[in-house]
Amino acid sequence: MKSNKRRQKMANIKSAIKRAELNKVANERNAQQKSAMRTLIKKFEAAPTEELYRAASSSIDKAASKGLIHANKASRDKARLAAKLG
């Protein structure tokens, strides 16, 4: 694990402390969802099947609807997957 030598600043205001904690939780959740999306895409690229295409496409749509990736990137990724499906 990488050590963080930089000191992080801590908020003094109660609402700012709460916001920082919520941002940390949201960041972890977003990272998990993006990682899961990338994993499905890699699985599809390794062995393109209709079932994996549907799963990857659904994952991309969910990420776009939640703002994890831009809508245009979602469209581009899905088009590339569809082209590989044949």
N, C-alpha and C. Protein backbone atom coordinates (compact mmCIF):
# COMPACT_ATOMS: atom_id res chain seq x y z
N MET A 1 0.82 -1.17 0.00
CA MET A 1 0.00 0.00 0.00
C MET A 1 0.88 1.25 0.00
N LYS A 2 0.48 2.24 -0.73
CA LYS A 2 1.25 3.47 -0.86
C LYS A 2 1.02 4.36 0.36
N SER A 3 2.09 4.89 0.92
CA SER A 3 1.93 5.77 2.07
C SER A 3 1.73 7.20 1.59
N ASN A 4 0.86 7.89 2.27
CA ASN A 4 0.56 9.26 1.92
C ASN A 4 1.36 10.17 2.84
N LYS A 5 2.45 10.72 2.35
CA LYS A 5 3.31 11.56 3.18
C LYS A 5 2.77 12.98 3.28
N ARG A 6 1.91 13.35 2.34
CA ARG A 6 1.34 14.68 2.36
C ARG A 6 0.28 14.78 3.44
N ARG A 7 0.33 15.83 4.22
CA ARG A 7 -0.69 16.02 5.25
C ARG A 7 -1.96 16.52 4.62
N GLN A 8 -3.06 15.90 4.96
CA GLN A 8 -4.33 16.35 4.43
C GLN A 8 -4.94 17.36 5.38
N LYS A 9 -5.56 18.37 4.83
CA LYS A 9 -6.20 19.38 5.64
C LYS A 9 -7.53 18.86 6.14
N MET A 10 -7.90 19.28 7.31
CA MET A 10 -9.16 18.86 7.89
C MET A 10 -10.02 20.09 8.12
N ALA A 11 -11.28 19.98 7.76
CA ALA A 11 -12.20 21.09 7.91
C ALA A 11 -12.51 21.33 9.39
N ASN A 12 -12.87 22.55 9.71
CA ASN A 12 -13.26 22.90 11.07
C ASN A 12 -14.77 22.95 11.24
N ILE A 13 -15.46 23.31 10.18
CA ILE A 13 -16.91 23.47 10.25
C ILE A 13 -17.57 22.09 10.16
N LYS A 14 -18.59 21.90 10.99
CA LYS A 14 -19.24 20.60 11.11
C LYS A 14 -19.79 20.11 9.76
N SER A 15 -20.45 20.99 9.03
CA SER A 15 -21.04 20.59 7.75
C SER A 15 -19.95 20.24 6.73
N ALA A 16 -18.82 20.93 6.80
CA ALA A 16 -17.72 20.65 5.88
C ALA A 16 -17.06 19.31 6.21
N ILE A 17 -16.99 18.98 7.50
CA ILE A 17 -16.45 17.68 7.91
C ILE A 17 -17.34 16.57 7.38
N LYS A 18 -18.66 16.76 7.53
CA LYS A 18 -19.62 15.77 7.05
C LYS A 18 -19.53 15.62 5.54
N ARG A 19 -19.40 16.74 4.85
CA ARG A 19 -19.32 16.72 3.39
C ARG A 19 -18.07 15.98 2.93
N ALA A 20 -16.97 16.19 3.63
CA ALA A 20 -15.72 15.52 3.28
C ALA A 20 -15.87 14.01 3.44
N GLU A 21 -16.53 13.59 4.50
CA GLU A 21 -16.75 12.15 4.73
C GLU A 21 -17.67 11.57 3.65
N LEU A 22 -18.73 12.29 3.31
CA LEU A 22 -19.65 11.81 2.26
C LEU A 22 -18.95 11.73 0.91
N ASN A 23 -18.08 12.70 0.63
CA ASN A 23 -17.33 12.68 -0.63
C ASN A 23 -16.41 11.47 -0.69
N LYS A 24 -15.80 11.14 0.44
CA LYS A 24 -14.90 9.98 0.50
C LYS A 24 -15.68 8.70 0.22
N VAL A 25 -16.86 8.56 0.83
CA VAL A 25 -17.69 7.37 0.63
C VAL A 25 -18.14 7.29 -0.83
N ALA A 26 -18.58 8.42 -1.38
CA ALA A 26 -19.05 8.44 -2.77
C ALA A 26 -17.91 8.10 -3.72
N ASN A 27 -16.71 8.59 -3.44
CA ASN A 27 -15.55 8.33 -4.28
C ASN A 27 -15.24 6.83 -4.31
N GLU A 28 -15.32 6.18 -3.16
CA GLU A 28 -15.07 4.74 -3.10
C GLU A 28 -16.14 3.97 -3.87
N ARG A 29 -17.40 4.38 -3.71
CA ARG A 29 -18.49 3.71 -4.41
C ARG A 29 -18.35 3.88 -5.92
N ASN A 30 -18.03 5.10 -6.36
CA ASN A 30 -17.86 5.36 -7.79
C ASN A 30 -16.70 4.55 -8.36
N ALA A 31 -15.63 4.44 -7.60
CA ALA A 31 -14.47 3.68 -8.06
C ALA A 31 -14.83 2.21 -8.24
N GLN A 32 -15.61 1.67 -7.32
CA GLN A 32 -16.03 0.27 -7.43
C GLN A 32 -16.89 0.05 -8.67
N GLN A 33 -17.83 0.98 -8.91
CA GLN A 33 -18.72 0.82 -10.06
C GLN A 33 -17.97 0.96 -11.37
N LYS A 34 -17.03 1.89 -11.45
CA LYS A 34 -16.24 2.04 -12.67
C LYS A 34 -15.36 0.82 -12.89
N SER A 35 -14.81 0.28 -11.81
CA SER A 35 -13.96 -0.90 -11.92
C SER A 35 -14.77 -2.09 -12.42
N ALA A 36 -15.98 -2.25 -11.89
CA ALA A 36 -16.85 -3.35 -12.32
C ALA A 36 -17.19 -3.21 -13.81
N MET A 37 -17.44 -1.97 -14.24
CA MET A 37 -17.74 -1.72 -15.65
C MET A 37 -16.55 -2.10 -16.52
N ARG A 38 -15.35 -1.68 -16.12
CA ARG A 38 -14.15 -1.99 -16.90
C ARG A 38 -13.91 -3.50 -16.96
N THR A 39 -14.17 -4.18 -15.86
CA THR A 39 -13.98 -5.63 -15.81
C THR A 39 -14.91 -6.33 -16.80
N LEU A 40 -16.18 -5.90 -16.84
CA LEU A 40 -17.12 -6.50 -17.79
C LEU A 40 -16.69 -6.25 -19.23
N ILE A 41 -16.19 -5.06 -19.50
CA ILE A 41 -15.73 -4.74 -20.85
C ILE A 41 -14.55 -5.63 -21.23
N LYS A 42 -13.61 -5.83 -20.30
CA LYS A 42 -12.45 -6.67 -20.57
C LYS A 42 -12.86 -8.13 -20.79
N LYS A 43 -13.84 -8.60 -20.01
CA LYS A 43 -14.33 -9.97 -20.19
C LYS A 43 -14.93 -10.13 -21.57
N PHE A 44 -15.71 -9.12 -22.01
CA PHE A 44 -16.32 -9.19 -23.33
C PHE A 44 -15.25 -9.19 -24.42
N GLU A 45 -14.25 -8.34 -24.27
CA GLU A 45 -13.20 -8.26 -25.29
C GLU A 45 -12.39 -9.55 -25.38
N ALA A 46 -12.27 -10.26 -24.26
CA ALA A 46 -11.53 -11.52 -24.26
C ALA A 46 -12.31 -12.61 -24.99
N ALA A 47 -13.63 -12.62 -24.80
CA ALA A 47 -14.48 -13.64 -25.42
C ALA A 47 -15.83 -13.02 -25.76
N PRO A 48 -15.94 -12.38 -26.94
CA PRO A 48 -17.18 -11.69 -27.30
C PRO A 48 -18.38 -12.63 -27.47
N THR A 49 -19.34 -12.51 -26.58
CA THR A 49 -20.60 -13.25 -26.69
C THR A 49 -21.74 -12.28 -26.49
N GLU A 50 -22.92 -12.68 -26.94
CA GLU A 50 -24.11 -11.84 -26.80
C GLU A 50 -24.41 -11.55 -25.33
N GLU A 51 -24.26 -12.56 -24.50
CA GLU A 51 -24.56 -12.40 -23.07
C GLU A 51 -23.62 -11.39 -22.41
N LEU A 52 -22.32 -11.51 -22.70
CA LEU A 52 -21.36 -10.56 -22.13
C LEU A 52 -21.56 -9.16 -22.71
N TYR A 53 -21.98 -9.09 -23.97
CA TYR A 53 -22.26 -7.79 -24.58
C TYR A 53 -23.39 -7.08 -23.84
N ARG A 54 -24.46 -7.83 -23.55
CA ARG A 54 -25.59 -7.24 -22.84
C ARG A 54 -25.17 -6.76 -21.45
N ALA A 55 -24.38 -7.57 -20.75
CA ALA A 55 -23.93 -7.20 -19.40
C ALA A 55 -23.05 -5.96 -19.44
N ALA A 56 -22.11 -5.92 -20.37
CA ALA A 56 -21.20 -4.77 -20.48
C ALA A 56 -21.96 -3.52 -20.89
N SER A 57 -22.88 -3.67 -21.83
CA SER A 57 -23.67 -2.54 -22.30
C SER A 57 -24.53 -1.97 -21.18
N SER A 58 -25.13 -2.85 -20.40
CA SER A 58 -25.95 -2.43 -19.27
C SER A 58 -25.11 -1.69 -18.24
N SER A 59 -23.93 -2.21 -17.98
CA SER A 59 -23.03 -1.59 -17.01
C SER A 59 -22.60 -0.20 -17.47
N ILE A 60 -22.34 -0.06 -18.76
CA ILE A 60 -21.95 1.23 -19.32
C ILE A 60 -23.11 2.22 -19.19
N ASP A 61 -24.33 1.77 -19.49
CA ASP A 61 -25.50 2.64 -19.38
C ASP A 61 -25.72 3.10 -17.94
N LYS A 62 -25.54 2.20 -16.99
CA LYS A 62 -25.71 2.55 -15.58
C LYS A 62 -24.68 3.59 -15.16
N ALA A 63 -23.44 3.40 -15.60
CA ALA A 63 -22.38 4.35 -15.24
C ALA A 63 -22.68 5.73 -15.83
N ALA A 64 -23.19 5.76 -17.05
CA ALA A 64 -23.51 7.03 -17.69
C ALA A 64 -24.68 7.71 -16.99
N SER A 65 -25.68 6.93 -16.59
CA SER A 65 -26.86 7.53 -15.95
C SER A 65 -26.52 8.10 -14.58
N LYS A 66 -25.50 7.54 -13.94
CA LYS A 66 -25.10 8.03 -12.61
C LYS A 66 -24.02 9.10 -12.69
N GLY A 67 -23.60 9.43 -13.91
CA GLY A 67 -22.61 10.49 -14.08
C GLY A 67 -21.17 10.04 -13.87
N LEU A 68 -20.93 8.74 -13.85
CA LEU A 68 -19.56 8.26 -13.67
C LEU A 68 -18.75 8.44 -14.94
N ILE A 69 -19.42 8.31 -16.09
CA ILE A 69 -18.78 8.57 -17.37
C ILE A 69 -19.71 9.45 -18.18
N HIS A 70 -19.17 10.17 -19.13
CA HIS A 70 -19.95 11.06 -19.98
C HIS A 70 -20.83 10.24 -20.92
N ALA A 71 -21.98 10.78 -21.28
CA ALA A 71 -22.91 10.08 -22.16
C ALA A 71 -22.28 9.76 -23.51
N ASN A 72 -21.46 10.68 -24.03
CA ASN A 72 -20.81 10.42 -25.32
C ASN A 72 -19.80 9.29 -25.23
N LYS A 73 -19.10 9.20 -24.10
CA LYS A 73 -18.16 8.09 -23.90
C LYS A 73 -18.92 6.78 -23.83
N ALA A 74 -20.06 6.79 -23.17
CA ALA A 74 -20.87 5.57 -23.08
C ALA A 74 -21.30 5.12 -24.47
N SER A 75 -21.75 6.06 -25.27
CA SER A 75 -22.18 5.74 -26.62
C SER A 75 -21.03 5.20 -27.46
N ARG A 76 -19.87 5.83 -27.33
CA ARG A 76 -18.69 5.40 -28.08
C ARG A 76 -18.25 4.00 -27.66
N ASP A 77 -18.23 3.75 -26.35
CA ASP A 77 -17.83 2.43 -25.86
C ASP A 77 -18.79 1.34 -26.33
N LYS A 78 -20.09 1.63 -26.27
CA LYS A 78 -21.08 0.64 -26.70
C LYS A 78 -20.96 0.36 -28.19
N ALA A 79 -20.68 1.39 -28.97
CA ALA A 79 -20.53 1.20 -30.42
C ALA A 79 -19.32 0.33 -30.72
N ARG A 80 -18.24 0.52 -29.98
CA ARG A 80 -17.04 -0.29 -30.19
C ARG A 80 -17.29 -1.74 -29.80
N LEU A 81 -18.04 -1.95 -28.72
CA LEU A 81 -18.37 -3.31 -28.31
C LEU A 81 -19.25 -3.98 -29.36
N ALA A 82 -20.23 -3.24 -29.87
CA ALA A 82 -21.14 -3.79 -30.87
C ALA A 82 -20.38 -4.17 -32.14
N ALA A 83 -19.39 -3.37 -32.51
CA ALA A 83 -18.59 -3.67 -33.70
C ALA A 83 -17.79 -4.95 -33.50
N LYS A 84 -17.29 -5.16 -32.28
CA LYS A 84 -16.53 -6.38 -32.00
C LYS A 84 -17.43 -7.60 -31.97
N LEU A 85 -18.70 -7.38 -31.60
CA LEU A 85 -19.65 -8.49 -31.57
C LEU A 85 -19.90 -9.00 -32.98
N GLY A 86 -19.87 -8.06 -33.91
CA GLY A 86 -19.92 -8.46 -35.30
C GLY A 86 -21.24 -8.29 -35.92
